[in-house]
């Protein structure tokens, strides 16, 4: 009897955690920012450059996109804590 209650409680906890993870993942579905930064050349638009330059350009574009997103204000949640 004790083992049955243990299994039922574990399944209940698993269901609750699964529901919370699903809810959390649904709230984080934001559009991925475009990595094209104004003023930066795309690796695809410069086919004559070597792979090292292309890799550096992609890294720079990614870094600028991350910095731009870090500067953007975070939306406030309406859920009370």
PDB file of N, CA and C in Angstrom:
ATOM      1  N   UNK A   1       0.828  -1.194   0.000  1.00  0.00           N
ATOM      2  CA  UNK A   1       0.000   0.000   0.000  1.00  0.00           C
ATOM      3  C   UNK A   1       0.872   1.257   0.000  1.00  0.00           C
ATOM      4  N   UNK A   2       1.945   1.166   0.777  1.00  0.00           N
ATOM      5  CA  UNK A   2       2.847   2.314   0.857  1.00  0.00           C
ATOM      6  C   UNK A   2       3.528   2.554  -0.493  1.00  0.00           C
ATOM      7  N   UNK A   3       3.884   1.498  -1.198  1.00  0.00           N
ATOM      8  CA  UNK A   3       4.529   1.619  -2.505  1.00  0.00           C
ATOM      9  C   UNK A   3       3.572   2.214  -3.530  1.00  0.00           C
ATOM     10  N   UNK A   4       2.297   1.873  -3.444  1.00  0.00           N
ATOM     11  CA  UNK A   4       1.301   2.417  -4.381  1.00  0.00           C
ATOM     12  C   UNK A   4       1.183   3.927  -4.200  1.00  0.00           C
ATOM     13  N   UNK A   5       1.119   4.377  -2.936  1.00  0.00           N
ATOM     14  CA  UNK A   5       1.044   5.818  -2.681  1.00  0.00           C
ATOM     15  C   UNK A   5       2.319   6.523  -3.148  1.00  0.00           C
ATOM     16  N   UNK A   6       3.452   5.880  -2.999  1.00  0.00           N
ATOM     17  CA  UNK A   6       4.711   6.456  -3.470  1.00  0.00           C
ATOM     18  C   UNK A   6       4.729   6.627  -4.976  1.00  0.00           C
ATOM     19  N   UNK A   7       4.282   5.625  -5.693  1.00  0.00           N
ATOM     20  CA  UNK A   7       4.241   5.704  -7.165  1.00  0.00           C
ATOM     21  C   UNK A   7       3.236   6.754  -7.618  1.00  0.00           C
ATOM     22  N   UNK A   8       2.083   6.786  -6.983  1.00  0.00           N
ATOM     23  CA  UNK A   8       1.057   7.777  -7.352  1.00  0.00           C
ATOM     24  C   UNK A   8       1.572   9.191  -7.079  1.00  0.00           C
ATOM     25  N   UNK A   9       2.227   9.390  -5.942  1.00  0.00           N
ATOM     26  CA  UNK A   9       2.739  10.727  -5.636  1.00  0.00           C
ATOM     27  C   UNK A   9       3.847  11.120  -6.614  1.00  0.00           C
ATOM     28  N   UNK A  10       4.708  10.192  -7.015  1.00  0.00           N
ATOM     29  CA  UNK A  10       5.747  10.505  -7.999  1.00  0.00           C
ATOM     30  C   UNK A  10       5.140  10.871  -9.350  1.00  0.00           C
ATOM     31  N   UNK A  11       4.116  10.144  -9.762  1.00  0.00           N
ATOM     32  CA  UNK A  11       3.447  10.479 -11.022  1.00  0.00           C
ATOM     33  C   UNK A  11       2.773  11.841 -10.948  1.00  0.00           C
ATOM     34  N   UNK A  12       2.176  12.150  -9.810  1.00  0.00           N
ATOM     35  CA  UNK A  12       1.536  13.456  -9.641  1.00  0.00           C
ATOM     36  C   UNK A  12       2.566  14.580  -9.715  1.00  0.00           C
ATOM     37  N   UNK A  13       3.699  14.403  -9.053  1.00  0.00           N
ATOM     38  CA  UNK A  13       4.768  15.399  -9.107  1.00  0.00           C
ATOM     39  C   UNK A  13       5.289  15.546 -10.529  1.00  0.00           C
ATOM     40  N   UNK A  14       5.450  14.433 -11.228  1.00  0.00           N
ATOM     41  CA  UNK A  14       5.913  14.475 -12.610  1.00  0.00           C
ATOM     42  C   UNK A  14       4.933  15.236 -13.498  1.00  0.00           C
ATOM     43  N   UNK A  15       3.653  15.026 -13.309  1.00  0.00           N
ATOM     44  CA  UNK A  15       2.646  15.757 -14.082  1.00  0.00           C
ATOM     45  C   UNK A  15       2.690  17.255 -13.789  1.00  0.00           C
ATOM     46  N   UNK A  16       2.832  17.618 -12.533  1.00  0.00           N
ATOM     47  CA  UNK A  16       2.893  19.035 -12.163  1.00  0.00           C
ATOM     48  C   UNK A  16       4.126  19.694 -12.763  1.00  0.00           C
ATOM     49  N   UNK A  17       5.269  19.028 -12.654  1.00  0.00           N
ATOM     50  CA  UNK A  17       6.505  19.589 -13.215  1.00  0.00           C
ATOM     51  C   UNK A  17       6.395  19.701 -14.736  1.00  0.00           C
ATOM     52  N   UNK A  18       5.834  18.699 -15.380  1.00  0.00           N
ATOM     53  CA  UNK A  18       5.650  18.756 -16.829  1.00  0.00           C
ATOM     54  C   UNK A  18       4.748  19.901 -17.240  1.00  0.00           C
ATOM     55  N   UNK A  19       3.681  20.121 -16.487  1.00  0.00           N
ATOM     56  CA  UNK A  19       2.774  21.237 -16.775  1.00  0.00           C
ATOM     57  C   UNK A  19       3.482  22.571 -16.612  1.00  0.00           C
ATOM     58  N   UNK A  20       4.265  22.719 -15.547  1.00  0.00           N
ATOM     59  CA  UNK A  20       4.978  23.977 -15.317  1.00  0.00           C
ATOM     60  C   UNK A  20       6.035  24.234 -16.391  1.00  0.00           C
ATOM     61  N   UNK A  21       6.728  23.178 -16.819  1.00  0.00           N
ATOM     62  CA  UNK A  21       7.725  23.341 -17.882  1.00  0.00           C
ATOM     63  C   UNK A  21       7.044  23.746 -19.183  1.00  0.00           C
ATOM     64  N   UNK A  22       5.919  23.121 -19.489  1.00  0.00           N
ATOM     65  CA  UNK A  22       5.188  23.453 -20.709  1.00  0.00           C
ATOM     66  C   UNK A  22       4.718  24.905 -20.667  1.00  0.00           C
ATOM     67  N   UNK A  23       4.213  25.327 -19.525  1.00  0.00           N
ATOM     68  CA  UNK A  23       3.747  26.710 -19.372  1.00  0.00           C
ATOM     69  C   UNK A  23       4.915  27.686 -19.515  1.00  0.00           C
ATOM     70  N   UNK A  24       6.060  27.368 -18.908  1.00  0.00           N
ATOM     71  CA  UNK A  24       7.228  28.235 -18.991  1.00  0.00           C
ATOM     72  C   UNK A  24       7.747  28.329 -20.421  1.00  0.00           C
ATOM     73  N   UNK A  25       7.779  27.218 -21.130  1.00  0.00           N
ATOM     74  CA  UNK A  25       8.258  27.226 -22.510  1.00  0.00           C
ATOM     75  C   UNK A  25       7.303  28.007 -23.414  1.00  0.00           C
ATOM     76  N   UNK A  26       6.020  27.971 -23.127  1.00  0.00           N
ATOM     77  CA  UNK A  26       5.043  28.700 -23.940  1.00  0.00           C
ATOM     78  C   UNK A  26       5.201  30.202 -23.763  1.00  0.00           C
ATOM     79  N   UNK A  27       5.599  30.653 -22.584  1.00  0.00           N
ATOM     80  CA  UNK A  27       5.750  32.092 -22.356  1.00  0.00           C
ATOM     81  C   UNK A  27       7.054  32.627 -22.927  1.00  0.00           C
ATOM     82  N   UNK A  28       7.997  31.753 -23.258  1.00  0.00           N
ATOM     83  CA  UNK A  28       9.283  32.194 -23.782  1.00  0.00           C
ATOM     84  C   UNK A  28       9.358  32.135 -25.296  1.00  0.00           C
ATOM     85  N   UNK A  29       8.261  32.007 -25.966  1.00  0.00           N
ATOM     86  CA  UNK A  29       8.277  31.953 -27.424  1.00  0.00           C
ATOM     87  C   UNK A  29       8.292  33.367 -27.979  1.00  0.00           C
ATOM     88  N   UNK A  30       9.482  33.956 -28.025  1.00  0.00           N
ATOM     89  CA  UNK A  30       9.664  35.280 -28.595  1.00  0.00           C
ATOM     90  C   UNK A  30      10.379  35.123 -29.926  1.00  0.00           C
ATOM     91  N   UNK A  31      10.155  36.035 -30.865  1.00  0.00           N
ATOM     92  CA  UNK A  31      10.831  35.909 -32.151  1.00  0.00           C
ATOM     93  C   UNK A  31      12.340  36.068 -32.001  1.00  0.00           C
ATOM     94  N   UNK A  32      13.071  35.294 -32.753  1.00  0.00           N
ATOM     95  CA  UNK A  32      14.524  35.351 -32.744  1.00  0.00           C
ATOM     96  C   UNK A  32      14.949  36.586 -33.522  1.00  0.00           C
ATOM     97  N   UNK A  33      15.813  37.420 -32.943  1.00  0.00           N
ATOM     98  CA  UNK A  33      16.219  38.635 -33.646  1.00  0.00           C
ATOM     99  C   UNK A  33      17.032  38.293 -34.886  1.00  0.00           C
ATOM    100  N   UNK A  34      16.858  39.122 -35.906  1.00  0.00           N
ATOM    101  CA  UNK A  34      17.618  38.939 -37.131  1.00  0.00           C
ATOM    102  C   UNK A  34      19.061  39.347 -36.863  1.00  0.00           C
ATOM    103  N   UNK A  35      19.997  38.535 -37.304  1.00  0.00           N
ATOM    104  CA  UNK A  35      21.401  38.810 -37.047  1.00  0.00           C
ATOM    105  C   UNK A  35      21.980  39.858 -37.986  1.00  0.00           C
ATOM    106  N   UNK A  36      21.196  40.332 -38.913  1.00  0.00           N
ATOM    107  CA  UNK A  36      21.682  41.361 -39.824  1.00  0.00           C
ATOM    108  C   UNK A  36      21.674  42.702 -39.096  1.00  0.00           C
ATOM    109  N   UNK A  37      22.849  43.253 -38.882  1.00  0.00           N
ATOM    110  CA  UNK A  37      22.992  44.516 -38.186  1.00  0.00           C
ATOM    111  C   UNK A  37      23.252  45.590 -39.233  1.00  0.00           C
ATOM    112  N   UNK A  38      22.578  46.735 -39.149  1.00  0.00           N
ATOM    113  CA  UNK A  38      22.826  47.800 -40.122  1.00  0.00           C
ATOM    114  C   UNK A  38      24.299  48.210 -40.110  1.00  0.00           C
ATOM    115  N   UNK A  39      24.866  48.349 -41.273  1.00  0.00           N
ATOM    116  CA  UNK A  39      26.264  48.741 -41.394  1.00  0.00           C
ATOM    117  C   UNK A  39      27.220  47.568 -41.464  1.00  0.00           C
ATOM    118  N   UNK A  40      26.762  46.378 -41.176  1.00  0.00           N
ATOM    119  CA  UNK A  40      27.626  45.200 -41.246  1.00  0.00           C
ATOM    120  C   UNK A  40      27.349  44.475 -42.550  1.00  0.00           C
ATOM    121  N   UNK A  41      28.406  43.971 -43.152  1.00  0.00           N
ATOM    122  CA  UNK A  41      28.210  43.240 -44.401  1.00  0.00           C
ATOM    123  C   UNK A  41      27.943  41.789 -44.110  1.00  0.00           C
ATOM    124  N   UNK A  42      27.088  41.207 -44.871  1.00  0.00           N
ATOM    125  CA  UNK A  42      26.745  39.802 -44.695  1.00  0.00           C
ATOM    126  C   UNK A  42      27.806  38.934 -45.338  1.00  0.00           C
ATOM    127  N   UNK A  43      28.028  37.755 -44.746  1.00  0.00           N
ATOM    128  CA  UNK A  43      28.995  36.816 -45.319  1.00  0.00           C
ATOM    129  C   UNK A  43      28.506  36.317 -46.673  1.00  0.00           C
ATOM    130  N   UNK A  44      27.193  36.244 -46.855  1.00  0.00           N
ATOM    131  CA  UNK A  44      26.640  35.784 -48.120  1.00  0.00           C
ATOM    132  C   UNK A  44      26.801  36.845 -49.211  1.00  0.00           C
ATOM    133  N   UNK A  45      26.864  38.123 -48.819  1.00  0.00           N
ATOM    134  CA  UNK A  45      26.983  39.171 -49.827  1.00  0.00           C
ATOM    135  C   UNK A  45      28.436  39.399 -50.250  1.00  0.00           C
ATOM    136  N   UNK A  46      29.375  38.765 -49.582  1.00  0.00           N
ATOM    137  CA  UNK A  46      30.786  38.905 -49.928  1.00  0.00           C
ATOM    138  C   UNK A  46      31.368  37.533 -50.248  1.00  0.00           C
ATOM    139  N   UNK A  47      31.022  36.977 -51.410  1.00  0.00           N
ATOM    140  CA  UNK A  47      31.489  35.624 -51.720  1.00  0.00           C
ATOM    141  C   UNK A  47      32.982  35.538 -51.994  1.00  0.00           C
ATOM    142  N   UNK A  48      33.660  36.652 -52.283  1.00  0.00           N
ATOM    143  CA  UNK A  48      35.084  36.605 -52.605  1.00  0.00           C
ATOM    144  C   UNK A  48      35.964  36.691 -51.369  1.00  0.00           C
ATOM    145  N   UNK A  49      35.396  36.904 -50.203  1.00  0.00           N
ATOM    146  CA  UNK A  49      36.213  36.972 -49.001  1.00  0.00           C
ATOM    147  C   UNK A  49      36.541  35.557 -48.530  1.00  0.00           C
ATOM    148  N   UNK A  50      37.628  35.448 -47.799  1.00  0.00           N
ATOM    149  CA  UNK A  50      38.040  34.117 -47.356  1.00  0.00           C
ATOM    150  C   UNK A  50      37.202  33.669 -46.152  1.00  0.00           C
ATOM    151  N   UNK A  51      37.229  32.387 -45.827  1.00  0.00           N
ATOM    152  CA  UNK A  51      36.398  31.865 -44.723  1.00  0.00           C
ATOM    153  C   UNK A  51      36.715  32.494 -43.372  1.00  0.00           C
ATOM    154  N   UNK A  52      37.971  32.857 -43.140  1.00  0.00           N
ATOM    155  CA  UNK A  52      38.327  33.482 -41.863  1.00  0.00           C
ATOM    156  C   UNK A  52      37.630  34.830 -41.714  1.00  0.00           C
ATOM    157  N   UNK A  53      37.599  35.614 -42.791  1.00  0.00           N
ATOM    158  CA  UNK A  53      36.920  36.910 -42.745  1.00  0.00           C
ATOM    159  C   UNK A  53      35.415  36.723 -42.570  1.00  0.00           C
ATOM    160  N   UNK A  54      34.864  35.734 -43.255  1.00  0.00           N
ATOM    161  CA  UNK A  54      33.436  35.465 -43.116  1.00  0.00           C
ATOM    162  C   UNK A  54      33.100  35.079 -41.680  1.00  0.00           C
ATOM    163  N   UNK A  55      33.918  34.245 -41.068  1.00  0.00           N
ATOM    164  CA  UNK A  55      33.687  33.825 -39.687  1.00  0.00           C
ATOM    165  C   UNK A  55      33.772  35.017 -38.744  1.00  0.00           C
ATOM    166  N   UNK A  56      34.732  35.903 -38.979  1.00  0.00           N
ATOM    167  CA  UNK A  56      34.863  37.085 -38.136  1.00  0.00           C
ATOM    168  C   UNK A  56      33.659  38.006 -38.303  1.00  0.00           C
ATOM    169  N   UNK A  57      33.157  38.149 -39.527  1.00  0.00           N
ATOM    170  CA  UNK A  57      31.987  38.984 -39.769  1.00  0.00           C
ATOM    171  C   UNK A  57      30.759  38.410 -39.070  1.00  0.00           C
ATOM    172  N   UNK A  58      30.595  37.108 -39.146  1.00  0.00           N
ATOM    173  CA  UNK A  58      29.440  36.474 -38.496  1.00  0.00           C
ATOM    174  C   UNK A  58      29.535  36.645 -36.983  1.00  0.00           C
ATOM    175  N   UNK A  59      30.729  36.476 -36.431  1.00  0.00           N
ATOM    176  CA  UNK A  59      30.914  36.654 -34.995  1.00  0.00           C
ATOM    177  C   UNK A  59      30.602  38.092 -34.581  1.00  0.00           C
ATOM    178  N   UNK A  60      31.051  39.037 -35.375  1.00  0.00           N
ATOM    179  CA  UNK A  60      30.794  40.451 -35.074  1.00  0.00           C
ATOM    180  C   UNK A  60      29.297  40.751 -35.139  1.00  0.00           C
ATOM    181  N   UNK A  61      28.620  40.223 -36.151  1.00  0.00           N
ATOM    182  CA  UNK A  61      27.179  40.439 -36.270  1.00  0.00           C
ATOM    183  C   UNK A  61      26.437  39.838 -35.082  1.00  0.00           C
ATOM    184  N   UNK A  62      26.845  38.651 -34.686  1.00  0.00           N
ATOM    185  CA  UNK A  62      26.212  37.993 -33.547  1.00  0.00           C
ATOM    186  C   UNK A  62      26.445  38.795 -32.266  1.00  0.00           C
ATOM    187  N   UNK A  63      27.661  39.260 -32.076  1.00  0.00           N
ATOM    188  CA  UNK A  63      27.989  40.046 -30.890  1.00  0.00           C
ATOM    189  C   UNK A  63      27.159  41.332 -30.853  1.00  0.00           C
ATOM    190  N   UNK A  64      27.029  42.003 -31.987  1.00  0.00           N
ATOM    191  CA  UNK A  64      26.243  43.232 -32.032  1.00  0.00           C
ATOM    192  C   UNK A  64      24.768  42.949 -31.775  1.00  0.00           C
ATOM    193  N   UNK A  65      24.254  41.845 -32.293  1.00  0.00           N
ATOM    194  CA  UNK A  65      22.853  41.497 -32.065  1.00  0.00           C
ATOM    195  C   UNK A  65      22.606  41.202 -30.592  1.00  0.00           C
ATOM    196  N   UNK A  66      23.527  40.494 -29.950  1.00  0.00           N
ATOM    197  CA  UNK A  66      23.397  40.197 -28.518  1.00  0.00           C
ATOM    198  C   UNK A  66      23.451  41.484 -27.707  1.00  0.00           C
ATOM    199  N   UNK A  67      24.375  42.361 -28.035  1.00  0.00           N
ATOM    200  CA  UNK A  67      24.479  43.632 -27.303  1.00  0.00           C
ATOM    201  C   UNK A  67      23.217  44.470 -27.471  1.00  0.00           C
ATOM    202  N   UNK A  68      22.642  44.452 -28.667  1.00  0.00           N
ATOM    203  CA  UNK A  68      21.398  45.185 -28.906  1.00  0.00           C
ATOM    204  C   UNK A  68      20.271  44.626 -28.057  1.00  0.00           C
ATOM    205  N   UNK A  69      20.183  43.304 -27.989  1.00  0.00           N
ATOM    206  CA  UNK A  69      19.134  42.675 -27.186  1.00  0.00           C
ATOM    207  C   UNK A  69      19.349  42.910 -25.691  1.00  0.00           C
ATOM    208  N   UNK A  70      20.596  42.989 -25.259  1.00  0.00           N
ATOM    209  CA  UNK A  70      20.872  43.250 -23.842  1.00  0.00           C
ATOM    210  C   UNK A  70      20.466  44.667 -23.458  1.00  0.00           C
ATOM    211  N   UNK A  71      20.481  45.589 -24.402  1.00  0.00           N
ATOM    212  CA  UNK A  71      20.104  46.969 -24.126  1.00  0.00           C
ATOM    213  C   UNK A  71      18.592  47.163 -24.097  1.00  0.00           C
ATOM    214  N   UNK A  72      17.853  46.255 -24.739  1.00  0.00           N
ATOM    215  CA  UNK A  72      16.398  46.381 -24.806  1.00  0.00           C
ATOM    216  C   UNK A  72      15.796  46.112 -23.429  1.00  0.00           C
ATOM    217  N   UNK A  73      14.780  46.896 -23.022  1.00  0.00           N
ATOM    218  CA  UNK A  73      14.141  46.662 -21.717  1.00  0.00           C
ATOM    219  C   UNK A  73      13.340  45.377 -21.734  1.00  0.00           C
ATOM    220  N   UNK A  74      13.319  44.702 -20.591  1.00  0.00           N
ATOM    221  CA  UNK A  74      12.554  43.462 -20.453  1.00  0.00           C
ATOM    222  C   UNK A  74      11.095  43.803 -20.172  1.00  0.00           C
ATOM    223  N   UNK A  75      10.164  43.063 -20.792  1.00  0.00           N
ATOM    224  CA  UNK A  75       8.746  43.316 -20.502  1.00  0.00           C
ATOM    225  C   UNK A  75       8.429  42.857 -19.076  1.00  0.00           C
ATOM    226  N   UNK A  76       7.590  43.640 -18.422  1.00  0.00           N
ATOM    227  CA  UNK A  76       7.210  43.315 -17.055  1.00  0.00           C
ATOM    228  C   UNK A  76       6.102  42.282 -17.051  1.00  0.00           C
ATOM    229  N   UNK A  77       6.204  41.338 -16.158  1.00  0.00           N
ATOM    230  CA  UNK A  77       5.206  40.296 -16.009  1.00  0.00           C
ATOM    231  C   UNK A  77       4.011  40.852 -15.245  1.00  0.00           C
ATOM    232  N   UNK A  78       2.823  40.430 -15.622  1.00  0.00           N
ATOM    233  CA  UNK A  78       1.632  40.891 -14.921  1.00  0.00           C
ATOM    234  C   UNK A  78       1.218  39.944 -13.818  1.00  0.00           C
ATOM    235  N   UNK A  79       1.970  38.869 -13.620  1.00  0.00           N
ATOM    236  CA  UNK A  79       1.664  37.910 -12.572  1.00  0.00           C
ATOM    237  C   UNK A  79       2.246  38.400 -11.248  1.00  0.00           C
ATOM    238  N   UNK A  80       1.461  38.406 -10.185  1.00  0.00           N
ATOM    239  CA  UNK A  80       2.019  38.791  -8.886  1.00  0.00           C
ATOM    240  C   UNK A  80       2.912  37.677  -8.347  1.00  0.00           C
ATOM    241  N   UNK A  81       3.938  38.076  -7.630  1.00  0.00           N
ATOM    242  CA  UNK A  81       4.877  37.078  -7.104  1.00  0.00           C
ATOM    243  C   UNK A  81       4.563  36.708  -5.720  1.00  0.00           C
TER     244      UNK A  81
END
